[in-house]
Amino acid sequence: MSTPLIRTFGSTVLLALSLTFAGCQGYGPGPTAQPMAPLFGPSGSAPHQAPPPTYAATPRPVAQPAPRPAPTPAPAPKPAPPPPRPTTPAAPSYPRSGWMLARQPTGVPLMGGATLWEVRATHAGKTVDCTAVVFDSRRFELRVIDQPNPNAGGRVIADAMRAHRASAGINGGFFTPTFDPLGLMIASGRTTGIFKTSGILSGAVMQFSSEPYILWNNEYQGSSGVTNLVQGGPRLVNSASPVGGLDHSKSSTRSFVASDGRHNWIIGTTGSTDLASLAEMLATPGIIPGVNVMRALNLDGGRSSAIWAAPANGREISRPGWSTVRNYLAIVPR
């Protein structure tokens, strides 16, 4: 009874081995695996049964003490802030407080994008009426217009401005009794006179390349590249502060040019006032709309003061001076 069982069992084993070897024919060593030693043939050897793999026992975790919190370091002391970077030293100045608007300024748009402002300011019983043309130097250039005719009369300002297609203009620098410019004048590239550093002349306004500048005498480096220039004085505002030592007692009509040190500029005239009051008023933020004045220079005044403007809509504004002047300072759209 046992023999058939053994025979059947043996057939089953042989069949299983045959199927196993047949299924393994599709699997071989990878391209990087070491070749297996042949089982049969001259170098063959009987396969040895591999010992069962052994596994290292998993170590039992050792209880770790709870970590102590690291001590909080004391905050490092904050370094002292660096001292402010020095700026251009300002001249001795008066306090700029006190000047206030007596009424809301009224503005008139001009050709090319400039604005004419009528301003009234007051302080300590003094009142200053100012007509100020505010413009952006990226849209306008400053131009000196020479007027060599000593008998032309003050009303020639309108003809001069129209001839140069200006949006606005005022009288310019001082001149001598012989009607020569006082100091250096450069009008559209033509030079008259020499640069002077004495007397009332303490600075100049000029167009250099594509930018206008107000410069003091010690900053002048020659006229190369300068297309328009006129000298003036005294200095009114330096580094946003009114210049000290200006006269408080003599009142007259005034003409001036001013800048915020960037692109915002003013040319203007005032009613009768003293130079110190004009400087204090110009240095007070908010008096002239849109410009916080960094530098300002006085030009010829008195009977010479004149202003002209071309509104975008409407009639020309012309306030000629009482006397003939040698030159004008105009703003011309680019």
C-alpha atoms as a PDB file:
ATOM      1  CA  MET A   1       0.000   0.000   0.000  1.00  0.00           C
ATOM      2  CA  SER A   2       2.931   2.342   0.584  1.00  0.00           C
ATOM      3  CA  THR A   3       4.594   1.939  -2.820  1.00  0.00           C
ATOM      4  CA  PRO A   4       1.956   3.764  -4.945  1.00  0.00           C
ATOM      5  CA  LEU A   5       1.982   6.616  -2.473  1.00  0.00           C
ATOM      6  CA  ILE A   6       5.720   6.997  -2.748  1.00  0.00           C
ATOM      7  CA  ARG A   7       5.585   6.763  -6.526  1.00  0.00           C
ATOM      8  CA  THR A   8       2.856   9.345  -6.692  1.00  0.00           C
ATOM      9  CA  PHE A   9       4.714  11.628  -4.327  1.00  0.00           C
ATOM     10  CA  GLY A  10       7.904  11.319  -6.353  1.00  0.00           C
ATOM     11  CA  SER A  11       6.102  12.170  -9.582  1.00  0.00           C
ATOM     12  CA  THR A  12       4.659  15.204  -7.931  1.00  0.00           C
ATOM     13  CA  VAL A  13       8.077  16.349  -6.750  1.00  0.00           C
ATOM     14  CA  LEU A  14       9.632  15.855 -10.172  1.00  0.00           C
ATOM     15  CA  LEU A  15       6.793  17.731 -11.811  1.00  0.00           C
ATOM     16  CA  ALA A  16       7.195  20.614  -9.375  1.00  0.00           C
ATOM     17  CA  LEU A  17      10.915  20.768  -9.953  1.00  0.00           C
ATOM     18  CA  SER A  18      10.390  20.777 -13.704  1.00  0.00           C
ATOM     19  CA  LEU A  19       7.940  23.676 -13.437  1.00  0.00           C
ATOM     20  CA  THR A  20      10.263  25.569 -11.128  1.00  0.00           C
ATOM     21  CA  PHE A  21      13.251  25.302 -13.467  1.00  0.00           C
ATOM     22  CA  ALA A  22      11.085  26.206 -16.434  1.00  0.00           C
ATOM     23  CA  GLY A  23       9.828  29.391 -14.671  1.00  0.00           C
ATOM     24  CA  CYS A  24      13.306  30.497 -13.714  1.00  0.00           C
ATOM     25  CA  GLN A  25      14.622  30.504 -17.288  1.00  0.00           C
ATOM     26  CA  GLY A  26      13.397  34.090 -17.782  1.00  0.00           C
ATOM     27  CA  TYR A  27      15.385  35.469 -14.846  1.00  0.00           C
ATOM     28  CA  GLY A  28      19.136  35.688 -14.875  1.00  0.00           C
ATOM     29  CA  PRO A  29      21.789  37.685 -13.217  1.00  0.00           C
ATOM     30  CA  GLY A  30      21.793  41.407 -13.907  1.00  0.00           C
ATOM     31  CA  PRO A  31      24.439  42.925 -16.116  1.00  0.00           C
ATOM     32  CA  THR A  32      26.580  43.811 -13.097  1.00  0.00           C
ATOM     33  CA  ALA A  33      26.060  40.610 -11.063  1.00  0.00           C
ATOM     34  CA  GLN A  34      28.848  38.012 -10.706  1.00  0.00           C
ATOM     35  CA  PRO A  35      28.204  34.886 -12.862  1.00  0.00           C
ATOM     36  CA  MET A  36      27.083  31.820 -10.970  1.00  0.00           C
ATOM     37  CA  ALA A  37      29.319  28.728 -11.040  1.00  0.00           C
ATOM     38  CA  PRO A  38      27.958  26.030 -13.398  1.00  0.00           C
ATOM     39  CA  LEU A  39      26.146  23.184 -11.763  1.00  0.00           C
ATOM     40  CA  PHE A  40      27.293  20.562 -14.309  1.00  0.00           C
ATOM     41  CA  GLY A  41      30.249  20.076 -16.590  1.00  0.00           C
ATOM     42  CA  PRO A  42      34.022  19.895 -16.052  1.00  0.00           C
ATOM     43  CA  SER A  43      34.044  22.767 -13.605  1.00  0.00           C
ATOM     44  CA  GLY A  44      30.706  22.075 -12.132  1.00  0.00           C
ATOM     45  CA  SER A  45      30.176  21.231  -8.524  1.00  0.00           C
ATOM     46  CA  ALA A  46      27.262  20.054  -6.612  1.00  0.00           C
ATOM     47  CA  PRO A  47      25.203  22.861  -5.167  1.00  0.00           C
ATOM     48  CA  HIS A  48      25.554  23.454  -1.508  1.00  0.00           C
ATOM     49  CA  GLN A  49      22.562  24.317   0.517  1.00  0.00           C
ATOM     50  CA  ALA A  50      22.972  27.881   1.826  1.00  0.00           C
ATOM     51  CA  PRO A  51      22.659  28.222   5.557  1.00  0.00           C
ATOM     52  CA  PRO A  52      19.605  30.090   6.730  1.00  0.00           C
ATOM     53  CA  PRO A  53      20.199  33.797   7.203  1.00  0.00           C
ATOM     54  CA  THR A  54      20.751  35.039  10.671  1.00  0.00           C
ATOM     55  CA  TYR A  55      19.411  38.345  11.950  1.00  0.00           C
ATOM     56  CA  ALA A  56      20.827  40.437  14.678  1.00  0.00           C
ATOM     57  CA  ALA A  57      18.560  40.851  17.592  1.00  0.00           C
ATOM     58  CA  THR A  58      16.823  44.223  17.722  1.00  0.00           C
ATOM     59  CA  PRO A  59      18.328  46.115  20.625  1.00  0.00           C
ATOM     60  CA  ARG A  60      15.929  47.215  23.297  1.00  0.00           C
ATOM     61  CA  PRO A  61      15.644  51.008  23.342  1.00  0.00           C
ATOM     62  CA  VAL A  62      17.405  52.611  26.231  1.00  0.00           C
ATOM     63  CA  ALA A  63      15.447  55.271  28.008  1.00  0.00           C
ATOM     64  CA  GLN A  64      17.019  58.675  27.472  1.00  0.00           C
ATOM     65  CA  PRO A  65      16.774  61.421  30.047  1.00  0.00           C
ATOM     66  CA  ALA A  66      14.525  64.296  29.088  1.00  0.00           C
ATOM     67  CA  PRO A  67      16.596  67.096  27.505  1.00  0.00           C
ATOM     68  CA  ARG A  68      17.025  70.146  29.619  1.00  0.00           C
ATOM     69  CA  PRO A  69      16.026  73.392  27.948  1.00  0.00           C
ATOM     70  CA  ALA A  70      18.996  75.450  26.905  1.00  0.00           C
ATOM     71  CA  PRO A  71      19.350  78.624  28.893  1.00  0.00           C
ATOM     72  CA  THR A  72      18.042  81.691  27.056  1.00  0.00           C
ATOM     73  CA  PRO A  73      20.998  83.915  26.256  1.00  0.00           C
ATOM     74  CA  ALA A  74      20.767  87.488  27.384  1.00  0.00           C
ATOM     75  CA  PRO A  75      19.941  89.828  24.471  1.00  0.00           C
ATOM     76  CA  ALA A  76      22.988  91.469  23.014  1.00  0.00           C
ATOM     77  CA  PRO A  77      23.033  95.218  23.462  1.00  0.00           C
ATOM     78  CA  LYS A  78      21.907  97.072  20.353  1.00  0.00           C
ATOM     79  CA  PRO A  79      24.657  99.122  18.752  1.00  0.00           C
ATOM     80  CA  ALA A  80      24.184 102.843  18.802  1.00  0.00           C
ATOM     81  CA  PRO A  81      22.835 104.203  15.508  1.00  0.00           C
ATOM     82  CA  PRO A  82      25.490 105.723  13.274  1.00  0.00           C
ATOM     83  CA  PRO A  83      25.694 109.494  13.258  1.00  0.00           C
ATOM     84  CA  PRO A  84      23.830 111.143  10.394  1.00  0.00           C
ATOM     85  CA  ARG A  85      25.819 111.622   7.234  1.00  0.00           C
ATOM     86  CA  PRO A  86      26.986 115.215   7.019  1.00  0.00           C
ATOM     87  CA  THR A  87      25.353 117.298   4.344  1.00  0.00           C
ATOM     88  CA  THR A  88      26.440 120.489   2.709  1.00  0.00           C
ATOM     89  CA  PRO A  89      26.878 122.882   5.629  1.00  0.00           C
ATOM     90  CA  ALA A  90      24.310 125.625   5.664  1.00  0.00           C
ATOM     91  CA  ALA A  91      25.125 129.246   6.217  1.00  0.00           C
ATOM     92  CA  PRO A  92      24.043 130.771   9.553  1.00  0.00           C
ATOM     93  CA  SER A  93      20.294 131.025   9.382  1.00  0.00           C
ATOM     94  CA  TYR A  94      17.245 132.565  10.946  1.00  0.00           C
ATOM     95  CA  PRO A  95      14.495 130.368  12.377  1.00  0.00           C
ATOM     96  CA  ARG A  96      12.191 129.428   9.547  1.00  0.00           C
ATOM     97  CA  SER A  97       9.082 129.230  11.744  1.00  0.00           C
ATOM     98  CA  GLY A  98       6.526 131.986  11.763  1.00  0.00           C
ATOM     99  CA  TRP A  99       5.679 132.549   8.106  1.00  0.00           C
ATOM    100  CA  MET A 100       2.164 131.436   7.227  1.00  0.00           C
ATOM    101  CA  LEU A 101      -0.155 131.646   4.267  1.00  0.00           C
ATOM    102  CA  ALA A 102      -2.552 134.547   4.606  1.00  0.00           C
ATOM    103  CA  ARG A 103      -4.904 132.944   2.100  1.00  0.00           C
ATOM    104  CA  GLN A 104      -5.106 129.896  -0.118  1.00  0.00           C
ATOM    105  CA  PRO A 105      -2.795 130.242  -3.159  1.00  0.00           C
ATOM    106  CA  THR A 106      -4.489 130.474  -6.550  1.00  0.00           C
ATOM    107  CA  GLY A 107      -2.956 128.673  -9.511  1.00  0.00           C
ATOM    108  CA  VAL A 108      -3.100 129.288 -13.252  1.00  0.00           C
ATOM    109  CA  PRO A 109      -1.989 126.465 -15.616  1.00  0.00           C
ATOM    110  CA  LEU A 110       0.550 127.657 -18.184  1.00  0.00           C
ATOM    111  CA  MET A 111       1.593 126.396 -21.593  1.00  0.00           C
ATOM    112  CA  GLY A 112       3.745 123.281 -21.380  1.00  0.00           C
ATOM    113  CA  GLY A 113       2.630 122.216 -17.903  1.00  0.00           C
ATOM    114  CA  ALA A 114       4.000 124.944 -15.616  1.00  0.00           C
ATOM    115  CA  THR A 115       1.791 126.688 -13.041  1.00  0.00           C
ATOM    116  CA  LEU A 116       1.680 130.329 -11.977  1.00  0.00           C
ATOM    117  CA  TRP A 117       0.834 130.715  -8.290  1.00  0.00           C
ATOM    118  CA  GLU A 118      -0.351 133.881  -6.563  1.00  0.00           C
ATOM    119  CA  VAL A 119       0.790 133.594  -2.931  1.00  0.00           C
ATOM    120  CA  ARG A 120       0.313 135.879   0.056  1.00  0.00           C
ATOM    121  CA  ALA A 121       2.299 135.107   3.221  1.00  0.00           C
ATOM    122  CA  THR A 122       2.484 136.918   6.529  1.00  0.00           C
ATOM    123  CA  HIS A 123       4.643 136.976   9.654  1.00  0.00           C
ATOM    124  CA  ALA A 124       5.117 139.427  12.534  1.00  0.00           C
ATOM    125  CA  GLY A 125       3.071 142.131  10.899  1.00  0.00           C
ATOM    126  CA  LYS A 126       4.788 141.759   7.506  1.00  0.00           C
ATOM    127  CA  THR A 127       2.949 140.649   4.383  1.00  0.00           C
ATOM    128  CA  VAL A 128       4.603 139.478   1.168  1.00  0.00           C
ATOM    129  CA  ASP A 129       2.749 139.034  -2.122  1.00  0.00           C
ATOM    130  CA  CYS A 130       4.584 136.641  -4.426  1.00  0.00           C
ATOM    131  CA  THR A 131       3.953 135.580  -8.017  1.00  0.00           C
ATOM    132  CA  ALA A 132       5.752 132.268  -8.517  1.00  0.00           C
ATOM    133  CA  VAL A 133       6.005 130.135 -11.657  1.00  0.00           C
ATOM    134  CA  VAL A 134       6.587 126.502 -10.666  1.00  0.00           C
ATOM    135  CA  PHE A 135       7.929 124.138 -13.329  1.00  0.00           C
ATOM    136  CA  ASP A 136       9.579 120.742 -13.782  1.00  0.00           C
ATOM    137  CA  SER A 137      13.066 120.965 -15.279  1.00  0.00           C
ATOM    138  CA  ARG A 138      12.496 117.682 -17.141  1.00  0.00           C
ATOM    139  CA  ARG A 139       9.854 119.447 -19.220  1.00  0.00           C
ATOM    140  CA  PHE A 140      11.428 122.893 -19.517  1.00  0.00           C
ATOM    141  CA  GLU A 141      14.847 124.426 -20.014  1.00  0.00           C
ATOM    142  CA  LEU A 142      16.079 127.704 -18.565  1.00  0.00           C
ATOM    143  CA  ARG A 143      17.055 130.213 -21.214  1.00  0.00           C
ATOM    144  CA  VAL A 144      18.751 133.589 -20.869  1.00  0.00           C
ATOM    145  CA  ILE A 145      17.390 136.083 -23.402  1.00  0.00           C
ATOM    146  CA  ASP A 146      19.759 138.939 -24.187  1.00  0.00           C
ATOM    147  CA  GLN A 147      18.164 142.365 -24.684  1.00  0.00           C
ATOM    148  CA  PRO A 148      20.940 144.721 -25.855  1.00  0.00           C
ATOM    149  CA  ASN A 149      18.779 147.775 -26.699  1.00  0.00           C
ATOM    150  CA  PRO A 150      19.030 150.295 -23.820  1.00  0.00           C
ATOM    151  CA  ASN A 151      15.969 152.159 -25.097  1.00  0.00           C
ATOM    152  CA  ALA A 152      13.655 149.187 -25.579  1.00  0.00           C
ATOM    153  CA  GLY A 153      11.487 149.881 -22.536  1.00  0.00           C
ATOM    154  CA  GLY A 154      10.086 147.461 -19.990  1.00  0.00           C
ATOM    155  CA  ARG A 155       7.228 146.237 -22.143  1.00  0.00           C
ATOM    156  CA  VAL A 156       9.637 144.507 -24.512  1.00  0.00           C
ATOM    157  CA  ILE A 157       9.474 141.504 -22.177  1.00  0.00           C
ATOM    158  CA  ALA A 158       6.345 140.261 -23.978  1.00  0.00           C
ATOM    159  CA  ASP A 159       7.999 140.436 -27.410  1.00  0.00           C
ATOM    160  CA  ALA A 160      11.111 138.674 -26.112  1.00  0.00           C
ATOM    161  CA  MET A 161       9.103 135.825 -24.575  1.00  0.00           C
ATOM    162  CA  ARG A 162       6.952 135.305 -27.636  1.00  0.00           C
ATOM    163  CA  ALA A 163      10.010 135.259 -29.897  1.00  0.00           C
ATOM    164  CA  HIS A 164      11.468 132.379 -27.864  1.00  0.00           C
ATOM    165  CA  ARG A 165       8.116 130.580 -27.443  1.00  0.00           C
ATOM    166  CA  ALA A 166       8.511 130.737 -23.691  1.00  0.00           C
ATOM    167  CA  SER A 167       5.825 129.709 -21.223  1.00  0.00           C
ATOM    168  CA  ALA A 168       6.960 132.306 -18.672  1.00  0.00           C
ATOM    169  CA  GLY A 169       9.867 134.567 -17.811  1.00  0.00           C
ATOM    170  CA  ILE A 170      11.193 137.223 -15.455  1.00  0.00           C
ATOM    171  CA  ASN A 171      13.900 139.864 -15.618  1.00  0.00           C
ATOM    172  CA  GLY A 172      17.409 138.485 -15.161  1.00  0.00           C
ATOM    173  CA  GLY A 173      20.735 139.729 -13.836  1.00  0.00           C
ATOM    174  CA  PHE A 174      22.152 143.098 -12.887  1.00  0.00           C
ATOM    175  CA  PHE A 175      23.694 145.478 -15.415  1.00  0.00           C
ATOM    176  CA  THR A 176      26.049 148.449 -15.309  1.00  0.00           C
ATOM    177  CA  PRO A 177      25.248 152.125 -16.031  1.00  0.00           C
ATOM    178  CA  THR A 178      26.638 151.515 -19.520  1.00  0.00           C
ATOM    179  CA  PHE A 179      24.044 148.732 -19.999  1.00  0.00           C
ATOM    180  CA  ASP A 180      26.602 145.922 -19.893  1.00  0.00           C
ATOM    181  CA  PRO A 181      25.804 142.742 -17.955  1.00  0.00           C
ATOM    182  CA  LEU A 182      27.243 142.757 -14.451  1.00  0.00           C
ATOM    183  CA  GLY A 183      29.403 139.650 -14.402  1.00  0.00           C
ATOM    184  CA  LEU A 184      29.092 136.782 -16.871  1.00  0.00           C
ATOM    185  CA  MET A 185      26.127 136.321 -19.180  1.00  0.00           C
ATOM    186  CA  ILE A 186      25.719 133.371 -21.560  1.00  0.00           C
ATOM    187  CA  ALA A 187      22.618 133.655 -23.748  1.00  0.00           C
ATOM    188  CA  SER A 188      21.907 130.647 -25.989  1.00  0.00           C
ATOM    189  CA  GLY A 189      25.629 129.871 -26.162  1.00  0.00           C
ATOM    190  CA  ARG A 190      26.868 133.437 -26.730  1.00  0.00           C
ATOM    191  CA  THR A 191      29.125 134.763 -23.957  1.00  0.00           C
ATOM    192  CA  THR A 192      29.316 138.356 -22.728  1.00  0.00           C
ATOM    193  CA  GLY A 193      31.450 139.556 -19.807  1.00  0.00           C
ATOM    194  CA  ILE A 194      33.441 137.513 -17.298  1.00  0.00           C
ATOM    195  CA  PHE A 195      32.524 135.596 -14.154  1.00  0.00           C
ATOM    196  CA  LYS A 196      32.878 137.868 -11.109  1.00  0.00           C
ATOM    197  CA  THR A 197      33.073 136.879  -7.460  1.00  0.00           C
ATOM    198  CA  SER A 198      32.976 140.252  -5.736  1.00  0.00           C
ATOM    199  CA  GLY A 199      30.315 142.714  -4.702  1.00  0.00           C
ATOM    200  CA  ILE A 200      26.693 141.687  -4.714  1.00  0.00           C
ATOM    201  CA  LEU A 201      27.308 138.732  -7.034  1.00  0.00           C
ATOM    202  CA  SER A 202      27.420 135.542  -4.962  1.00  0.00           C
ATOM    203  CA  GLY A 203      26.061 132.903  -7.324  1.00  0.00           C
ATOM    204  CA  ALA A 204      24.608 132.107 -10.719  1.00  0.00           C
ATOM    205  CA  VAL A 205      21.805 130.198 -12.383  1.00  0.00           C
ATOM    206  CA  MET A 206      22.762 128.233 -15.459  1.00  0.00           C
ATOM    207  CA  GLN A 207      21.653 125.592 -17.932  1.00  0.00           C
ATOM    208  CA  PHE A 208      24.350 122.937 -18.273  1.00  0.00           C
ATOM    209  CA  SER A 209      23.663 120.231 -20.839  1.00  0.00           C
ATOM    210  CA  SER A 210      20.032 119.279 -20.159  1.00  0.00           C
ATOM    211  CA  GLU A 211      19.800 120.379 -16.511  1.00  0.00           C
ATOM    212  CA  PRO A 212      19.547 123.777 -14.796  1.00  0.00           C
ATOM    213  CA  TYR A 213      21.592 124.544 -11.682  1.00  0.00           C
ATOM    214  CA  ILE A 214      21.932 127.200  -9.008  1.00  0.00           C
ATOM    215  CA  LEU A 215      25.576 127.392  -7.989  1.00  0.00           C
ATOM    216  CA  TRP A 216      27.598 129.515  -5.612  1.00  0.00           C
ATOM    217  CA  ASN A 217      30.734 131.343  -6.648  1.00  0.00           C
ATOM    218  CA  ASN A 218      33.099 128.789  -5.119  1.00  0.00           C
ATOM    219  CA  GLU A 219      31.387 126.011  -7.126  1.00  0.00           C
ATOM    220  CA  TYR A 220      31.915 127.581 -10.530  1.00  0.00           C
ATOM    221  CA  GLN A 221      34.255 125.491 -12.715  1.00  0.00           C
ATOM    222  CA  GLY A 222      34.171 127.320 -16.009  1.00  0.00           C
ATOM    223  CA  SER A 223      31.690 127.734 -18.812  1.00  0.00           C
ATOM    224  CA  SER A 224      32.454 124.615 -20.862  1.00  0.00           C
ATOM    225  CA  GLY A 225      29.156 122.949 -21.731  1.00  0.00           C
ATOM    226  CA  VAL A 226      27.100 125.838 -20.324  1.00  0.00           C
ATOM    227  CA  THR A 227      24.494 127.117 -22.773  1.00  0.00           C
ATOM    228  CA  ASN A 228      22.800 129.741 -20.588  1.00  0.00           C
ATOM    229  CA  LEU A 229      24.013 131.562 -17.467  1.00  0.00           C
ATOM    230  CA  VAL A 230      23.388 134.761 -15.555  1.00  0.00           C
ATOM    231  CA  GLN A 231      24.923 135.862 -12.265  1.00  0.00           C
ATOM    232  CA  GLY A 232      22.972 137.198  -9.300  1.00  0.00           C
ATOM    233  CA  GLY A 233      23.007 137.756  -5.579  1.00  0.00           C
ATOM    234  CA  PRO A 234      22.841 137.709  -2.717  1.00  0.00           C
ATOM    235  CA  ARG A 235      22.139 134.094  -1.820  1.00  0.00           C
ATOM    236  CA  LEU A 236      18.730 133.733  -0.181  1.00  0.00           C
ATOM    237  CA  VAL A 237      18.392 130.055   0.774  1.00  0.00           C
ATOM    238  CA  ASN A 238      21.117 127.452   1.182  1.00  0.00           C
ATOM    239  CA  SER A 239      20.538 123.814   2.209  1.00  0.00           C
ATOM    240  CA  ALA A 240      16.857 124.583   2.864  1.00  0.00           C
ATOM    241  CA  SER A 241      17.679 127.314   5.411  1.00  0.00           C
ATOM    242  CA  PRO A 242      17.495 131.086   4.977  1.00  0.00           C
ATOM    243  CA  VAL A 243      20.941 132.616   4.675  1.00  0.00           C
ATOM    244  CA  GLY A 244      22.025 134.699   7.646  1.00  0.00           C
ATOM    245  CA  GLY A 245      23.152 138.301   7.510  1.00  0.00           C
ATOM    246  CA  LEU A 246      20.559 139.513   5.018  1.00  0.00           C
ATOM    247  CA  ASP A 247      19.094 142.984   5.324  1.00  0.00           C
ATOM    248  CA  HIS A 248      15.866 143.446   7.305  1.00  0.00           C
ATOM    249  CA  SER A 249      15.315 147.122   6.736  1.00  0.00           C
ATOM    250  CA  LYS A 250      15.330 147.923   3.001  1.00  0.00           C
ATOM    251  CA  SER A 251      12.168 146.942   1.158  1.00  0.00           C
ATOM    252  CA  SER A 252      11.818 146.735  -2.599  1.00  0.00           C
ATOM    253  CA  THR A 253      10.203 144.595  -5.263  1.00  0.00           C
ATOM    254  CA  ARG A 254      12.237 141.420  -5.797  1.00  0.00           C
ATOM    255  CA  SER A 255      12.978 138.820  -8.461  1.00  0.00           C
ATOM    256  CA  PHE A 256      14.405 135.392  -7.669  1.00  0.00           C
ATOM    257  CA  VAL A 257      15.034 131.843  -8.846  1.00  0.00           C
ATOM    258  CA  ALA A 258      14.787 128.786  -6.576  1.00  0.00           C
ATOM    259  CA  SER A 259      15.003 124.992  -6.684  1.00  0.00           C
ATOM    260  CA  ASP A 260      14.344 121.979  -4.461  1.00  0.00           C
ATOM    261  CA  GLY A 261      17.615 120.390  -5.593  1.00  0.00           C
ATOM    262  CA  ARG A 262      15.773 117.896  -7.797  1.00  0.00           C
ATOM    263  CA  HIS A 263      13.454 118.787 -10.660  1.00  0.00           C
ATOM    264  CA  ASN A 264      11.101 121.362  -9.151  1.00  0.00           C
ATOM    265  CA  TRP A 265      11.957 124.985  -9.846  1.00  0.00           C
ATOM    266  CA  ILE A 266      10.568 128.466  -9.273  1.00  0.00           C
ATOM    267  CA  ILE A 267      11.062 131.779 -11.013  1.00  0.00           C
ATOM    268  CA  GLY A 268       9.179 134.619  -9.404  1.00  0.00           C
ATOM    269  CA  THR A 269       8.723 138.191  -8.286  1.00  0.00           C
ATOM    270  CA  THR A 270       7.394 139.764  -5.094  1.00  0.00           C
ATOM    271  CA  GLY A 271       5.885 142.990  -3.944  1.00  0.00           C
ATOM    272  CA  SER A 272       7.919 145.273  -1.728  1.00  0.00           C
ATOM    273  CA  THR A 273       9.811 143.294   0.922  1.00  0.00           C
ATOM    274  CA  ASP A 274      13.267 143.032   2.477  1.00  0.00           C
ATOM    275  CA  LEU A 275      15.753 140.322   1.545  1.00  0.00           C
ATOM    276  CA  ALA A 276      15.686 138.617   4.949  1.00  0.00           C
ATOM    277  CA  SER A 277      11.898 138.254   4.864  1.00  0.00           C
ATOM    278  CA  LEU A 278      12.021 136.914   1.320  1.00  0.00           C
ATOM    279  CA  ALA A 279      14.593 134.300   2.337  1.00  0.00           C
ATOM    280  CA  GLU A 280      12.596 133.225   5.397  1.00  0.00           C
ATOM    281  CA  MET A 281       9.390 132.968   3.401  1.00  0.00           C
ATOM    282  CA  LEU A 282      10.971 130.889   0.614  1.00  0.00           C
ATOM    283  CA  ALA A 283      12.579 128.510   3.122  1.00  0.00           C
ATOM    284  CA  THR A 284       9.249 127.823   4.848  1.00  0.00           C
ATOM    285  CA  PRO A 285       7.768 124.541   3.523  1.00  0.00           C
ATOM    286  CA  GLY A 286       4.288 124.854   2.097  1.00  0.00           C
ATOM    287  CA  ILE A 287       4.423 128.527   1.169  1.00  0.00           C
ATOM    288  CA  ILE A 288       5.074 127.900  -2.544  1.00  0.00           C
ATOM    289  CA  PRO A 289       2.900 124.911  -3.577  1.00  0.00           C
ATOM    290  CA  GLY A 290       4.820 121.841  -4.700  1.00  0.00           C
ATOM    291  CA  VAL A 291       8.346 123.026  -3.855  1.00  0.00           C
ATOM    292  CA  ASN A 292      10.383 122.776  -0.660  1.00  0.00           C
ATOM    293  CA  VAL A 293      13.144 125.209  -1.518  1.00  0.00           C
ATOM    294  CA  MET A 294      16.715 123.963  -1.126  1.00  0.00           C
ATOM    295  CA  ARG A 295      18.483 126.899  -2.801  1.00  0.00           C
ATOM    296  CA  ALA A 296      17.352 130.359  -3.859  1.00  0.00           C
ATOM    297  CA  LEU A 297      19.199 133.241  -5.490  1.00  0.00           C
ATOM    298  CA  ASN A 298      18.196 136.892  -5.692  1.00  0.00           C
ATOM    299  CA  LEU A 299      18.205 138.562  -9.107  1.00  0.00           C
ATOM    300  CA  ASP A 300      17.921 142.199 -10.150  1.00  0.00           C
ATOM    301  CA  GLY A 301      14.929 143.847  -8.477  1.00  0.00           C
ATOM    302  CA  GLY A 302      13.392 147.219  -7.834  1.00  0.00           C
ATOM    303  CA  ARG A 303      12.316 148.984 -11.008  1.00  0.00           C
ATOM    304  CA  SER A 304      13.718 146.076 -13.042  1.00  0.00           C
ATOM    305  CA  SER A 305      11.380 143.394 -11.612  1.00  0.00           C
ATOM    306  CA  ALA A 306       9.059 142.047 -14.290  1.00  0.00           C
ATOM    307  CA  ILE A 307       7.153 138.842 -15.012  1.00  0.00           C
ATOM    308  CA  TRP A 308       5.325 137.450 -18.031  1.00  0.00           C
ATOM    309  CA  ALA A 309       3.370 134.201 -18.503  1.00  0.00           C
ATOM    310  CA  ALA A 310       1.315 132.433 -21.170  1.00  0.00           C
ATOM    311  CA  PRO A 311      -1.696 130.621 -19.644  1.00  0.00           C
ATOM    312  CA  ALA A 312      -2.816 127.377 -21.248  1.00  0.00           C
ATOM    313  CA  ASN A 313      -6.219 129.005 -21.752  1.00  0.00           C
ATOM    314  CA  GLY A 314      -6.695 132.725 -21.675  1.00  0.00           C
ATOM    315  CA  ARG A 315      -4.847 135.991 -22.172  1.00  0.00           C
ATOM    316  CA  GLU A 316      -1.174 136.597 -21.463  1.00  0.00           C
ATOM    317  CA  ILE A 317      -0.146 137.796 -18.020  1.00  0.00           C
ATOM    318  CA  SER A 318       2.321 140.662 -18.434  1.00  0.00           C
ATOM    319  CA  ARG A 319       3.676 142.815 -15.614  1.00  0.00           C
ATOM    320  CA  PRO A 320       6.597 144.714 -17.127  1.00  0.00           C
ATOM    321  CA  GLY A 321       9.119 146.572 -15.067  1.00  0.00           C
ATOM    322  CA  TRP A 322       9.571 150.303 -14.988  1.00  0.00           C
ATOM    323  CA  SER A 323      13.004 150.215 -16.567  1.00  0.00           C
ATOM    324  CA  THR A 324      14.679 148.568 -19.512  1.00  0.00           C
ATOM    325  CA  VAL A 325      16.708 145.504 -18.519  1.00  0.00           C
ATOM    326  CA  ARG A 326      19.660 143.849 -20.212  1.00  0.00           C
ATOM    327  CA  ASN A 327      18.410 140.246 -20.066  1.00  0.00           C
ATOM    328  CA  TYR A 328      15.540 137.954 -19.118  1.00  0.00           C
ATOM    329  CA  LEU A 329      15.329 134.475 -17.608  1.00  0.00           C
ATOM    330  CA  ALA A 330      12.727 132.385 -19.445  1.00  0.00           C
ATOM    331  CA  ILE A 331      11.408 128.825 -19.255  1.00  0.00           C
ATOM    332  CA  VAL A 332      10.937 127.173 -22.651  1.00  0.00           C
ATOM    333  CA  PRO A 333       9.157 123.821 -23.170  1.00  0.00           C
ATOM    334  CA  ARG A 334      11.436 121.050 -24.421  1.00  0.00           C
END
